[in-house]
C-alpha atoms as a PDB file:
ATOM      1  CA  MET A   1      27.868 -31.532 -18.292  1.00  0.00           C
ATOM      2  CA  ASN A   2      28.416 -33.924 -21.192  1.00  0.00           C
ATOM      3  CA  ARG A   3      29.022 -31.753 -24.270  1.00  0.00           C
ATOM      4  CA  THR A   4      28.281 -32.944 -27.766  1.00  0.00           C
ATOM      5  CA  PHE A   5      29.835 -30.778 -30.451  1.00  0.00           C
ATOM      6  CA  LEU A   6      28.770 -30.452 -34.064  1.00  0.00           C
ATOM      7  CA  ARG A   7      29.778 -32.982 -36.712  1.00  0.00           C
ATOM      8  CA  PRO A   8      30.218 -32.680 -40.497  1.00  0.00           C
ATOM      9  CA  ASP A   9      26.712 -33.989 -41.197  1.00  0.00           C
ATOM     10  CA  ASP A  10      25.257 -31.079 -39.209  1.00  0.00           C
ATOM     11  CA  PHE A  11      26.652 -28.673 -41.828  1.00  0.00           C
ATOM     12  CA  ARG A  12      25.640 -30.624 -44.946  1.00  0.00           C
ATOM     13  CA  ASP A  13      22.531 -28.524 -45.759  1.00  0.00           C
ATOM     14  CA  LEU A  14      24.339 -25.284 -44.918  1.00  0.00           C
ATOM     15  CA  VAL A  15      27.143 -26.044 -47.369  1.00  0.00           C
ATOM     16  CA  ALA A  16      24.655 -26.947 -50.117  1.00  0.00           C
ATOM     17  CA  ASP A  17      22.608 -23.770 -49.539  1.00  0.00           C
ATOM     18  CA  GLN A  18      25.575 -21.428 -49.385  1.00  0.00           C
ATOM     19  CA  PHE A  19      28.000 -22.936 -51.868  1.00  0.00           C
ATOM     20  CA  GLY A  20      25.854 -25.072 -54.166  1.00  0.00           C
ATOM     21  CA  ALA A  21      24.969 -28.745 -54.321  1.00  0.00           C
ATOM     22  CA  ALA A  22      28.171 -29.550 -56.224  1.00  0.00           C
ATOM     23  CA  ARG A  23      30.363 -28.474 -53.287  1.00  0.00           C
ATOM     24  CA  ARG A  24      31.168 -30.892 -50.502  1.00  0.00           C
ATOM     25  CA  LEU A  25      32.421 -30.546 -46.934  1.00  0.00           C
ATOM     26  CA  VAL A  26      35.484 -32.771 -46.519  1.00  0.00           C
ATOM     27  CA  ALA A  27      36.586 -31.828 -42.976  1.00  0.00           C
ATOM     28  CA  LEU A  28      35.333 -29.953 -39.940  1.00  0.00           C
ATOM     29  CA  ASP A  29      37.686 -28.592 -37.266  1.00  0.00           C
ATOM     30  CA  ARG A  30      36.388 -27.246 -33.972  1.00  0.00           C
ATOM     31  CA  LEU A  31      38.855 -24.508 -33.072  1.00  0.00           C
ATOM     32  CA  THR A  32      40.091 -24.180 -29.501  1.00  0.00           C
ATOM     33  CA  GLY A  33      40.152 -21.053 -27.377  1.00  0.00           C
ATOM     34  CA  GLY A  34      36.510 -19.997 -27.476  1.00  0.00           C
ATOM     35  CA  THR A  35      34.587 -20.063 -24.210  1.00  0.00           C
ATOM     36  CA  LYS A  36      31.180 -18.565 -25.128  1.00  0.00           C
ATOM     37  CA  LYS A  37      30.537 -19.830 -28.664  1.00  0.00           C
ATOM     38  CA  GLY A  38      31.649 -22.653 -30.898  1.00  0.00           C
ATOM     39  CA  VAL A  39      34.089 -21.789 -33.676  1.00  0.00           C
ATOM     40  CA  TYR A  40      34.374 -24.278 -36.543  1.00  0.00           C
ATOM     41  CA  ARG A  41      36.515 -24.284 -39.681  1.00  0.00           C
ATOM     42  CA  LEU A  42      34.737 -25.838 -42.657  1.00  0.00           C
ATOM     43  CA  ARG A  43      37.061 -27.326 -45.288  1.00  0.00           C
ATOM     44  CA  LEU A  44      35.481 -27.773 -48.716  1.00  0.00           C
ATOM     45  CA  ASP A  45      36.461 -30.062 -51.560  1.00  0.00           C
ATOM     46  CA  ASP A  46      37.866 -27.208 -53.676  1.00  0.00           C
ATOM     47  CA  GLN A  47      40.485 -26.428 -50.962  1.00  0.00           C
ATOM     48  CA  THR A  48      38.580 -23.345 -49.739  1.00  0.00           C
ATOM     49  CA  THR A  49      37.659 -22.805 -46.091  1.00  0.00           C
ATOM     50  CA  THR A  50      35.183 -20.759 -44.126  1.00  0.00           C
ATOM     51  CA  ILE A  51      34.437 -20.230 -40.430  1.00  0.00           C
ATOM     52  CA  ALA A  52      31.161 -20.905 -38.611  1.00  0.00           C
ATOM     53  CA  TYR A  53      30.260 -19.250 -35.322  1.00  0.00           C
ATOM     54  CA  VAL A  54      27.648 -21.157 -33.318  1.00  0.00           C
ATOM     55  CA  TRP A  55      25.937 -19.651 -30.281  1.00  0.00           C
ATOM     56  CA  ALA A  56      24.422 -22.530 -28.341  1.00  0.00           C
ATOM     57  CA  PRO A  57      24.241 -23.381 -24.617  1.00  0.00           C
ATOM     58  CA  GLY A  58      26.463 -26.420 -25.119  1.00  0.00           C
ATOM     59  CA  GLU A  59      29.225 -24.225 -26.585  1.00  0.00           C
ATOM     60  CA  ASN A  60      29.301 -21.820 -23.613  1.00  0.00           C
ATOM     61  CA  TYR A  61      31.570 -22.865 -20.738  1.00  0.00           C
ATOM     62  CA  TRP A  62      30.774 -19.924 -18.456  1.00  0.00           C
ATOM     63  CA  PRO A  63      28.628 -20.650 -15.395  1.00  0.00           C
ATOM     64  CA  PRO A  64      26.263 -17.901 -14.187  1.00  0.00           C
ATOM     65  CA  SER A  65      27.497 -15.438 -11.578  1.00  0.00           C
ATOM     66  CA  PRO A  66      26.272 -12.288  -9.820  1.00  0.00           C
ATOM     67  CA  THR A  67      26.638  -9.225 -12.045  1.00  0.00           C
ATOM     68  CA  VAL A  68      26.492  -5.447 -11.862  1.00  0.00           C
ATOM     69  CA  PRO A  69      23.192  -4.482 -13.549  1.00  0.00           C
ATOM     70  CA  ASP A  70      24.594  -1.641 -15.668  1.00  0.00           C
ATOM     71  CA  ASP A  71      27.896  -3.344 -16.564  1.00  0.00           C
ATOM     72  CA  PRO A  72      27.970  -3.262 -20.393  1.00  0.00           C
ATOM     73  CA  PHE A  73      30.519  -6.087 -20.509  1.00  0.00           C
ATOM     74  CA  THR A  74      28.292  -8.655 -18.776  1.00  0.00           C
ATOM     75  CA  ASP A  75      27.303 -11.679 -20.899  1.00  0.00           C
ATOM     76  CA  ALA A  76      28.612 -10.070 -24.090  1.00  0.00           C
ATOM     77  CA  SER A  77      27.704 -12.895 -26.432  1.00  0.00           C
ATOM     78  CA  GLY A  78      25.182 -13.710 -29.120  1.00  0.00           C
ATOM     79  CA  ALA A  79      24.376 -13.317 -32.789  1.00  0.00           C
ATOM     80  CA  GLU A  80      22.571  -9.985 -32.370  1.00  0.00           C
ATOM     81  CA  LEU A  81      25.568  -8.351 -30.715  1.00  0.00           C
ATOM     82  CA  PHE A  82      27.855  -9.849 -33.331  1.00  0.00           C
ATOM     83  CA  ALA A  83      25.800  -8.487 -36.238  1.00  0.00           C
ATOM     84  CA  VAL A  84      25.408  -4.956 -34.842  1.00  0.00           C
ATOM     85  CA  ASN A  85      29.041  -4.726 -33.783  1.00  0.00           C
ATOM     86  CA  HIS A  86      30.320  -6.134 -37.064  1.00  0.00           C
ATOM     87  CA  ALA A  87      28.472  -3.382 -38.950  1.00  0.00           C
ATOM     88  CA  ALA A  88      29.792  -0.666 -36.618  1.00  0.00           C
ATOM     89  CA  LEU A  89      33.408  -1.765 -36.971  1.00  0.00           C
ATOM     90  CA  ALA A  90      33.138  -2.028 -40.733  1.00  0.00           C
ATOM     91  CA  ALA A  91      31.680   1.503 -40.801  1.00  0.00           C
ATOM     92  CA  ALA A  92      34.679   2.703 -38.748  1.00  0.00           C
ATOM     93  CA  ASP A  93      37.020   1.117 -41.332  1.00  0.00           C
ATOM     94  CA  VAL A  94      38.218  -1.509 -38.868  1.00  0.00           C
ATOM     95  CA  ARG A  95      39.059  -4.852 -40.481  1.00  0.00           C
ATOM     96  CA  VAL A  96      36.870  -7.738 -39.335  1.00  0.00           C
ATOM     97  CA  PRO A  97      36.177 -11.050 -41.093  1.00  0.00           C
ATOM     98  CA  ARG A  98      33.635 -10.606 -43.878  1.00  0.00           C
ATOM     99  CA  LEU A  99      30.148 -11.743 -42.874  1.00  0.00           C
ATOM    100  CA  LEU A 100      28.832 -14.240 -45.422  1.00  0.00           C
ATOM    101  CA  MET A 101      25.591 -15.320 -43.761  1.00  0.00           C
ATOM    102  CA  LEU A 102      23.704 -14.850 -40.499  1.00  0.00           C
ATOM    103  CA  ASP A 103      20.997 -17.312 -39.413  1.00  0.00           C
ATOM    104  CA  ARG A 104      18.985 -16.426 -36.317  1.00  0.00           C
ATOM    105  CA  ASP A 105      15.909 -18.439 -37.356  1.00  0.00           C
ATOM    106  CA  GLY A 106      17.280 -21.961 -36.944  1.00  0.00           C
ATOM    107  CA  ARG A 107      17.194 -22.706 -40.669  1.00  0.00           C
ATOM    108  CA  HIS A 108      20.388 -24.772 -40.497  1.00  0.00           C
ATOM    109  CA  LEU A 109      21.021 -25.589 -36.818  1.00  0.00           C
ATOM    110  CA  ASP A 110      19.134 -25.475 -33.550  1.00  0.00           C
ATOM    111  CA  ALA A 111      21.237 -22.423 -32.645  1.00  0.00           C
ATOM    112  CA  ASP A 112      22.167 -18.970 -33.907  1.00  0.00           C
ATOM    113  CA  LEU A 113      24.791 -19.230 -36.623  1.00  0.00           C
ATOM    114  CA  ALA A 114      27.115 -16.932 -38.576  1.00  0.00           C
ATOM    115  CA  LEU A 115      29.241 -17.917 -41.524  1.00  0.00           C
ATOM    116  CA  ILE A 116      32.278 -15.679 -41.959  1.00  0.00           C
ATOM    117  CA  GLU A 117      35.454 -15.336 -43.960  1.00  0.00           C
ATOM    118  CA  ASP A 118      38.362 -17.503 -42.845  1.00  0.00           C
ATOM    119  CA  ALA A 119      41.006 -14.833 -42.176  1.00  0.00           C
ATOM    120  CA  GLY A 120      43.655 -17.440 -41.404  1.00  0.00           C
ATOM    121  CA  ALA A 121      45.070 -19.273 -38.422  1.00  0.00           C
ATOM    122  CA  VAL A 122      47.923 -16.924 -37.449  1.00  0.00           C
ATOM    123  CA  THR A 123      47.195 -14.711 -34.447  1.00  0.00           C
ATOM    124  CA  LEU A 124      49.080 -11.547 -33.610  1.00  0.00           C
ATOM    125  CA  GLU A 125      50.074 -13.255 -30.358  1.00  0.00           C
ATOM    126  CA  GLN A 126      51.814 -16.038 -32.276  1.00  0.00           C
ATOM    127  CA  LEU A 127      53.540 -13.556 -34.557  1.00  0.00           C
ATOM    128  CA  MET A 128      54.787 -11.480 -31.600  1.00  0.00           C
ATOM    129  CA  GLU A 129      56.250 -14.608 -30.006  1.00  0.00           C
ATOM    130  CA  GLN A 130      57.845 -16.012 -33.165  1.00  0.00           C
ATOM    131  CA  ASP A 131      58.929 -12.972 -35.190  1.00  0.00           C
ATOM    132  CA  SER A 132      58.800  -9.584 -33.467  1.00  0.00           C
ATOM    133  CA  ALA A 133      60.051  -7.797 -36.588  1.00  0.00           C
ATOM    134  CA  ALA A 134      57.215  -9.236 -38.676  1.00  0.00           C
ATOM    135  CA  ALA A 135      54.738  -8.217 -35.961  1.00  0.00           C
ATOM    136  CA  ALA A 136      55.714  -4.514 -36.085  1.00  0.00           C
ATOM    137  CA  ALA A 137      53.612  -3.589 -39.135  1.00  0.00           C
ATOM    138  CA  PRO A 138      50.446  -5.386 -37.953  1.00  0.00           C
ATOM    139  CA  LEU A 139      50.865  -3.756 -34.527  1.00  0.00           C
ATOM    140  CA  ALA A 140      51.089  -0.319 -36.121  1.00  0.00           C
ATOM    141  CA  ALA A 141      48.037  -1.036 -38.291  1.00  0.00           C
ATOM    142  CA  LEU A 142      46.148  -2.267 -35.225  1.00  0.00           C
ATOM    143  CA  GLY A 143      47.058   0.973 -33.442  1.00  0.00           C
ATOM    144  CA  ASP A 144      45.583   2.941 -36.364  1.00  0.00           C
ATOM    145  CA  ALA A 145      42.368   0.905 -36.179  1.00  0.00           C
ATOM    146  CA  LEU A 146      42.140   1.432 -32.425  1.00  0.00           C
ATOM    147  CA  ARG A 147      42.485   5.182 -32.825  1.00  0.00           C
ATOM    148  CA  ARG A 148      39.597   5.158 -35.303  1.00  0.00           C
ATOM    149  CA  MET A 149      37.528   3.231 -32.762  1.00  0.00           C
ATOM    150  CA  HIS A 150      38.537   5.279 -29.750  1.00  0.00           C
ATOM    151  CA  THR A 151      37.805   8.581 -31.481  1.00  0.00           C
ATOM    152  CA  SER A 152      34.336   7.378 -32.564  1.00  0.00           C
ATOM    153  CA  LEU A 153      32.613   9.082 -29.651  1.00  0.00           C
ATOM    154  CA  GLY A 154      29.236   8.816 -27.990  1.00  0.00           C
ATOM    155  CA  PRO A 155      27.557  10.739 -25.136  1.00  0.00           C
ATOM    156  CA  ARG A 156      26.715   7.631 -23.070  1.00  0.00           C
ATOM    157  CA  TYR A 157      28.246   4.258 -22.429  1.00  0.00           C
ATOM    158  CA  GLY A 158      26.635   0.961 -23.352  1.00  0.00           C
ATOM    159  CA  ARG A 159      26.242  -1.658 -26.015  1.00  0.00           C
ATOM    160  CA  LEU A 160      25.529  -0.603 -29.558  1.00  0.00           C
ATOM    161  CA  ALA A 161      22.506  -2.893 -29.755  1.00  0.00           C
ATOM    162  CA  ALA A 162      20.849  -0.723 -27.076  1.00  0.00           C
ATOM    163  CA  ALA A 163      22.026   2.631 -28.446  1.00  0.00           C
ATOM    164  CA  ALA A 164      18.516   3.601 -29.562  1.00  0.00           C
ATOM    165  CA  ASP A 165      17.396   3.837 -25.936  1.00  0.00           C
ATOM    166  CA  ARG A 166      18.552   7.428 -25.427  1.00  0.00           C
ATOM    167  CA  GLY A 167      16.083   8.067 -22.606  1.00  0.00           C
ATOM    168  CA  GLU A 168      18.425   6.463 -20.077  1.00  0.00           C
ATOM    169  CA  ALA A 169      21.276   8.902 -20.706  1.00  0.00           C
ATOM    170  CA  SER A 170      20.310  11.293 -17.918  1.00  0.00           C
ATOM    171  CA  ARG A 171      20.036   8.447 -15.407  1.00  0.00           C
ATOM    172  CA  GLN A 172      23.402   6.836 -16.071  1.00  0.00           C
ATOM    173  CA  ARG A 173      25.836   6.809 -13.199  1.00  0.00           C
ATOM    174  CA  ARG A 174      29.527   7.358 -13.744  1.00  0.00           C
ATOM    175  CA  ALA A 175      31.411   4.670 -15.648  1.00  0.00           C
ATOM    176  CA  GLU A 176      34.115   4.399 -12.999  1.00  0.00           C
ATOM    177  CA  ASP A 177      31.457   3.540 -10.382  1.00  0.00           C
ATOM    178  CA  VAL A 178      30.289   0.641 -12.542  1.00  0.00           C
ATOM    179  CA  ILE A 179      33.876  -0.611 -12.633  1.00  0.00           C
ATOM    180  CA  VAL A 180      34.309  -0.240  -8.864  1.00  0.00           C
ATOM    181  CA  ASP A 181      31.189  -2.344  -8.227  1.00  0.00           C
ATOM    182  CA  ARG A 182      32.377  -4.854 -10.792  1.00  0.00           C
ATOM    183  CA  ALA A 183      35.831  -5.039  -9.162  1.00  0.00           C
ATOM    184  CA  LEU A 184      34.420  -5.466  -5.664  1.00  0.00           C
ATOM    185  CA  GLY A 185      32.139  -8.243  -6.907  1.00  0.00           C
ATOM    186  CA  HIS A 186      35.132 -10.039  -8.381  1.00  0.00           C
ATOM    187  CA  LEU A 187      37.024  -9.497  -5.138  1.00  0.00           C
ATOM    188  CA  HIS A 188      34.248 -11.038  -3.020  1.00  0.00           C
ATOM    189  CA  ALA A 189      33.974 -14.079  -5.291  1.00  0.00           C
ATOM    190  CA  ALA A 190      37.755 -14.589  -5.427  1.00  0.00           C
ATOM    191  CA  ALA A 191      38.021 -14.301  -1.644  1.00  0.00           C
ATOM    192  CA  ALA A 192      35.647 -17.244  -1.318  1.00  0.00           C
ATOM    193  CA  ARG A 193      38.083 -19.380  -3.327  1.00  0.00           C
ATOM    194  CA  ASP A 194      41.499 -18.188  -2.138  1.00  0.00           C
ATOM    195  CA  ASP A 195      42.643 -17.586   1.458  1.00  0.00           C
ATOM    196  CA  ARG A 196      45.278 -15.031   0.403  1.00  0.00           C
ATOM    197  CA  ILE A 197      42.637 -12.859  -1.223  1.00  0.00           C
ATOM    198  CA  ALA A 198      40.309 -13.386   1.727  1.00  0.00           C
ATOM    199  CA  ASP A 199      43.008 -12.237   4.175  1.00  0.00           C
ATOM    200  CA  ALA A 200      43.706  -9.114   2.087  1.00  0.00           C
ATOM    201  CA  HIS A 201      40.048  -8.445   1.200  1.00  0.00           C
ATOM    202  CA  ASP A 202      39.615  -5.211   3.147  1.00  0.00           C
ATOM    203  CA  ARG A 203      42.957  -3.781   2.027  1.00  0.00           C
ATOM    204  CA  ILE A 204      42.196  -4.595  -1.613  1.00  0.00           C
ATOM    205  CA  ALA A 205      38.759  -2.989  -1.340  1.00  0.00           C
ATOM    206  CA  ALA A 206      40.281   0.111   0.232  1.00  0.00           C
ATOM    207  CA  HIS A 207      42.863   0.289  -2.560  1.00  0.00           C
ATOM    208  CA  VAL A 208      40.110   0.129  -5.199  1.00  0.00           C
ATOM    209  CA  ARG A 209      38.238   2.972  -3.491  1.00  0.00           C
ATOM    210  CA  ASP A 210      41.419   5.043  -3.200  1.00  0.00           C
ATOM    211  CA  LEU A 211      42.023   4.647  -6.931  1.00  0.00           C
ATOM    212  CA  ARG A 212      38.407   5.636  -7.597  1.00  0.00           C
ATOM    213  CA  GLY A 213      38.802   8.774  -5.490  1.00  0.00           C
ATOM    214  CA  ALA A 214      41.463  10.167  -7.847  1.00  0.00           C
ATOM    215  CA  VAL A 215      39.234   9.917 -10.948  1.00  0.00           C
ATOM    216  CA  THR A 216      37.363  13.032 -12.074  1.00  0.00           C
ATOM    217  CA  ALA A 217      34.029  13.067 -13.903  1.00  0.00           C
ATOM    218  CA  ARG A 218      33.833  12.668 -17.682  1.00  0.00           C
ATOM    219  CA  GLU A 219      30.972  11.888 -20.071  1.00  0.00           C
ATOM    220  CA  THR A 220      32.558  11.125 -23.433  1.00  0.00           C
ATOM    221  CA  TYR A 221      32.962   7.514 -24.515  1.00  0.00           C
ATOM    222  CA  GLY A 222      34.684   5.777 -27.419  1.00  0.00           C
ATOM    223  CA  LEU A 223      34.128   2.446 -29.137  1.00  0.00           C
ATOM    224  CA  VAL A 224      36.062  -0.266 -27.298  1.00  0.00           C
ATOM    225  CA  HIS A 225      36.450  -3.962 -28.107  1.00  0.00           C
ATOM    226  CA  GLY A 226      36.336  -4.918 -24.442  1.00  0.00           C
ATOM    227  CA  GLU A 227      38.793  -7.825 -24.388  1.00  0.00           C
ATOM    228  CA  LEU A 228      41.369  -7.132 -27.048  1.00  0.00           C
ATOM    229  CA  GLY A 229      44.414  -9.282 -26.489  1.00  0.00           C
ATOM    230  CA  PRO A 230      46.785 -10.279 -29.306  1.00  0.00           C
ATOM    231  CA  ASP A 231      44.984 -13.654 -29.390  1.00  0.00           C
ATOM    232  CA  HIS A 232      41.863 -11.815 -30.596  1.00  0.00           C
ATOM    233  CA  VAL A 233      43.662 -10.395 -33.623  1.00  0.00           C
ATOM    234  CA  LEU A 234      44.298 -12.538 -36.694  1.00  0.00           C
ATOM    235  CA  VAL A 235      47.014 -11.543 -39.159  1.00  0.00           C
ATOM    236  CA  THR A 236      46.381 -12.247 -42.845  1.00  0.00           C
ATOM    237  CA  PRO A 237      49.182 -13.360 -45.205  1.00  0.00           C
ATOM    238  CA  ASP A 238      49.342  -9.695 -46.317  1.00  0.00           C
ATOM    239  CA  GLY A 239      50.040  -8.617 -42.719  1.00  0.00           C
ATOM    240  CA  GLU A 240      46.612  -7.110 -42.143  1.00  0.00           C
ATOM    241  CA  PRO A 241      45.260  -7.291 -38.557  1.00  0.00           C
ATOM    242  CA  VAL A 242      41.697  -8.626 -38.304  1.00  0.00           C
ATOM    243  CA  LEU A 243      39.671  -8.232 -35.096  1.00  0.00           C
ATOM    244  CA  ILE A 244      37.675 -11.231 -33.858  1.00  0.00           C
ATOM    245  CA  ASP A 245      35.495 -11.962 -30.794  1.00  0.00           C
ATOM    246  CA  ILE A 246      33.755  -8.627 -31.262  1.00  0.00           C
ATOM    247  CA  GLU A 247      30.548  -9.279 -29.315  1.00  0.00           C
ATOM    248  CA  GLY A 248      31.803  -7.173 -26.393  1.00  0.00           C
ATOM    249  CA  LEU A 249      32.071  -3.972 -28.456  1.00  0.00           C
ATOM    250  CA  THR A 250      30.571  -1.055 -26.538  1.00  0.00           C
ATOM    251  CA  TYR A 251      30.842   2.647 -25.910  1.00  0.00           C
ATOM    252  CA  PHE A 252      32.939   3.104 -22.779  1.00  0.00           C
ATOM    253  CA  ASP A 253      35.994   4.853 -21.365  1.00  0.00           C
ATOM    254  CA  VAL A 254      38.858   4.131 -23.743  1.00  0.00           C
ATOM    255  CA  GLU A 255      41.107   3.743 -20.682  1.00  0.00           C
ATOM    256  CA  TRP A 256      39.315   0.445 -20.008  1.00  0.00           C
ATOM    257  CA  GLU A 257      40.534  -0.839 -23.358  1.00  0.00           C
ATOM    258  CA  HIS A 258      44.052   0.467 -22.858  1.00  0.00           C
ATOM    259  CA  ALA A 259      44.337  -0.997 -19.378  1.00  0.00           C
ATOM    260  CA  PHE A 260      43.668  -4.404 -20.934  1.00  0.00           C
ATOM    261  CA  LEU A 261      45.934  -3.734 -23.909  1.00  0.00           C
ATOM    262  CA  HIS A 262      48.742  -2.783 -21.521  1.00  0.00           C
ATOM    263  CA  LEU A 263      48.301  -6.027 -19.601  1.00  0.00           C
ATOM    264  CA  ARG A 264      48.119  -8.230 -22.676  1.00  0.00           C
ATOM    265  CA  PHE A 265      50.604  -6.612 -25.067  1.00  0.00           C
ATOM    266  CA  GLY A 266      53.301  -5.901 -22.496  1.00  0.00           C
ATOM    267  CA  ALA A 267      56.503  -4.503 -23.998  1.00  0.00           C
ATOM    268  CA  ALA A 268      54.844  -4.220 -27.427  1.00  0.00           C
ATOM    269  CA  TYR A 269      52.092  -1.910 -26.133  1.00  0.00           C
ATOM    270  CA  PRO A 270      53.857   1.393 -27.098  1.00  0.00           C
ATOM    271  CA  LEU A 271      53.892   0.208 -30.740  1.00  0.00           C
ATOM    272  CA  LEU A 272      50.107   0.726 -30.749  1.00  0.00           C
ATOM    273  CA  ARG A 273      50.720   4.493 -30.322  1.00  0.00           C
ATOM    274  CA  PRO A 274      47.759   5.048 -27.981  1.00  0.00           C
ATOM    275  CA  VAL A 275      45.576   8.143 -27.791  1.00  0.00           C
ATOM    276  CA  ASP A 276      45.951  10.515 -24.820  1.00  0.00           C
ATOM    277  CA  LEU A 277      44.710   8.809 -21.668  1.00  0.00           C
ATOM    278  CA  ASP A 278      43.726   9.789 -18.122  1.00  0.00           C
ATOM    279  CA  PRO A 279      46.421   8.126 -15.953  1.00  0.00           C
ATOM    280  CA  TYR A 280      44.166   7.925 -12.877  1.00  0.00           C
ATOM    281  CA  ARG A 281      41.406   6.190 -14.816  1.00  0.00           C
ATOM    282  CA  CYS A 282      44.023   3.818 -16.270  1.00  0.00           C
ATOM    283  CA  GLU A 283      45.284   2.866 -12.816  1.00  0.00           C
ATOM    284  CA  LEU A 284      41.795   2.111 -11.502  1.00  0.00           C
ATOM    285  CA  TYR A 285      40.866   0.094 -14.559  1.00  0.00           C
ATOM    286  CA  ARG A 286      44.158  -1.778 -14.632  1.00  0.00           C
ATOM    287  CA  TYR A 287      43.669  -2.954 -11.051  1.00  0.00           C
ATOM    288  CA  ALA A 288      40.010  -3.816 -11.662  1.00  0.00           C
ATOM    289  CA  GLN A 289      41.054  -6.017 -14.568  1.00  0.00           C
ATOM    290  CA  VAL A 290      43.619  -7.782 -12.401  1.00  0.00           C
ATOM    291  CA  LEU A 291      40.784  -8.723 -10.020  1.00  0.00           C
ATOM    292  CA  SER A 292      38.665  -9.836 -12.979  1.00  0.00           C
ATOM    293  CA  LEU A 293      41.520 -12.048 -14.170  1.00  0.00           C
ATOM    294  CA  ILE A 294      41.538 -13.762 -10.788  1.00  0.00           C
ATOM    295  CA  GLU A 295      37.814 -14.394 -10.414  1.00  0.00           C
ATOM    296  CA  GLY A 296      36.938 -15.241 -14.027  1.00  0.00           C
ATOM    297  CA  PRO A 297      39.601 -17.926 -14.525  1.00  0.00           C
ATOM    298  CA  GLN A 298      38.853 -19.400 -11.086  1.00  0.00           C
ATOM    299  CA  ARG A 299      35.170 -19.649 -11.976  1.00  0.00           C
ATOM    300  CA  ILE A 300      35.637 -21.260 -15.366  1.00  0.00           C
ATOM    301  CA  ALA A 301      38.208 -23.649 -13.873  1.00  0.00           C
ATOM    302  CA  ASP A 302      35.350 -25.055 -11.762  1.00  0.00           C
ATOM    303  CA  THR A 303      33.654 -26.254 -14.960  1.00  0.00           C
ATOM    304  CA  ASP A 304      34.591 -28.825 -17.596  1.00  0.00           C
ATOM    305  CA  PHE A 305      36.646 -26.283 -19.541  1.00  0.00           C
ATOM    306  CA  PRO A 306      39.371 -28.381 -21.233  1.00  0.00           C
ATOM    307  CA  ASP A 307      42.418 -26.251 -20.295  1.00  0.00           C
ATOM    308  CA  ARG A 308      41.700 -25.869 -16.597  1.00  0.00           C
ATOM    309  CA  GLN A 309      45.338 -25.553 -15.525  1.00  0.00           C
ATOM    310  CA  TRP A 310      45.923 -22.632 -17.914  1.00  0.00           C
ATOM    311  CA  MET A 311      43.063 -20.791 -16.227  1.00  0.00           C
ATOM    312  CA  LEU A 312      44.393 -21.544 -12.748  1.00  0.00           C
ATOM    313  CA  ASP A 313      47.854 -20.309 -13.756  1.00  0.00           C
ATOM    314  CA  LEU A 314      46.303 -17.102 -15.103  1.00  0.00           C
ATOM    315  CA  ALA A 315      44.486 -16.537 -11.820  1.00  0.00           C
ATOM    316  CA  GLU A 316      47.670 -17.222  -9.841  1.00  0.00           C
ATOM    317  CA  GLY A 317      49.673 -14.650 -11.768  1.00  0.00           C
ATOM    318  CA  ASN A 318      47.044 -12.026 -11.124  1.00  0.00           C
ATOM    319  CA  ILE A 319      46.794 -12.873  -7.424  1.00  0.00           C
ATOM    320  CA  THR A 320      50.469 -11.976  -7.244  1.00  0.00           C
ATOM    321  CA  LYS A 321      49.783  -8.675  -9.025  1.00  0.00           C
ATOM    322  CA  ALA A 322      46.815  -7.820  -6.807  1.00  0.00           C
ATOM    323  CA  LEU A 323      48.762  -8.362  -3.599  1.00  0.00           C
ATOM    324  CA  ALA A 324      51.991  -6.720  -4.750  1.00  0.00           C
ATOM    325  CA  VAL A 325      50.607  -3.173  -4.652  1.00  0.00           C
ATOM    326  CA  LEU A 326      49.257  -3.365  -1.103  1.00  0.00           C
END
């Protein structure tokens, strides 16, 4: 598709409404990295900046795909999820960018819009790569925030926006079965794109089921971000970690979060000082996420996503991981 992104004139009325008619937008930067929403930095004439999130079809690179009906991580995007999750994290004393304005009525754009604090351009990922000593304090503070999230418990898994629907609690199946179905779906889709995965399909499926067989039942769930890599953590000039891309927040097994943290933080993971975890659940979830990181990047690489090769390289690395354990 031919994508047309927003221009400074599209934000003229927003700036006047929020900051006064005397303030002027002098530059607009569309930030890279987002795949489901547009992220724009607004630069004003008094040297201040703010960030706009825009949820519009033209900002979403993800093509549709088959999903597991009760997977709480499916299509985790939108202004409603952002607003509910932002409030929940703030209540748990987890640092997120301050919400300045939320527009779901199309007053300013033909899309849902949030205006938030600009918490800076330095990610924890960049800090870890450039100055590991400087990253130690933000990593420790992030670990503290994660423990507050992961010990905020609920009796059922699912998105916070649907938490009022308590009648479904007795009919929920086990969380690990959701993940198995999710993993097998990713496996089937990846096998259609890669002969190595196709040749190993049955062995991979059997490995997933073996990992599932070691997991015992549990019905206590913590708040998890869902996709928390160091690129989804900004670090302020004061060294404070700030969580972004929070639409995927849900109640779920905290091992799901830690499996992803382990993959993304690597050698720095122990600095997060994780809570006690079920090792069998971690192993299942770790492998399921490897399969997800094959299928998802392959799928988005079939679109007009601008950094296609990066996605293909990510899929390739995880193909190696998936096959290595067989």
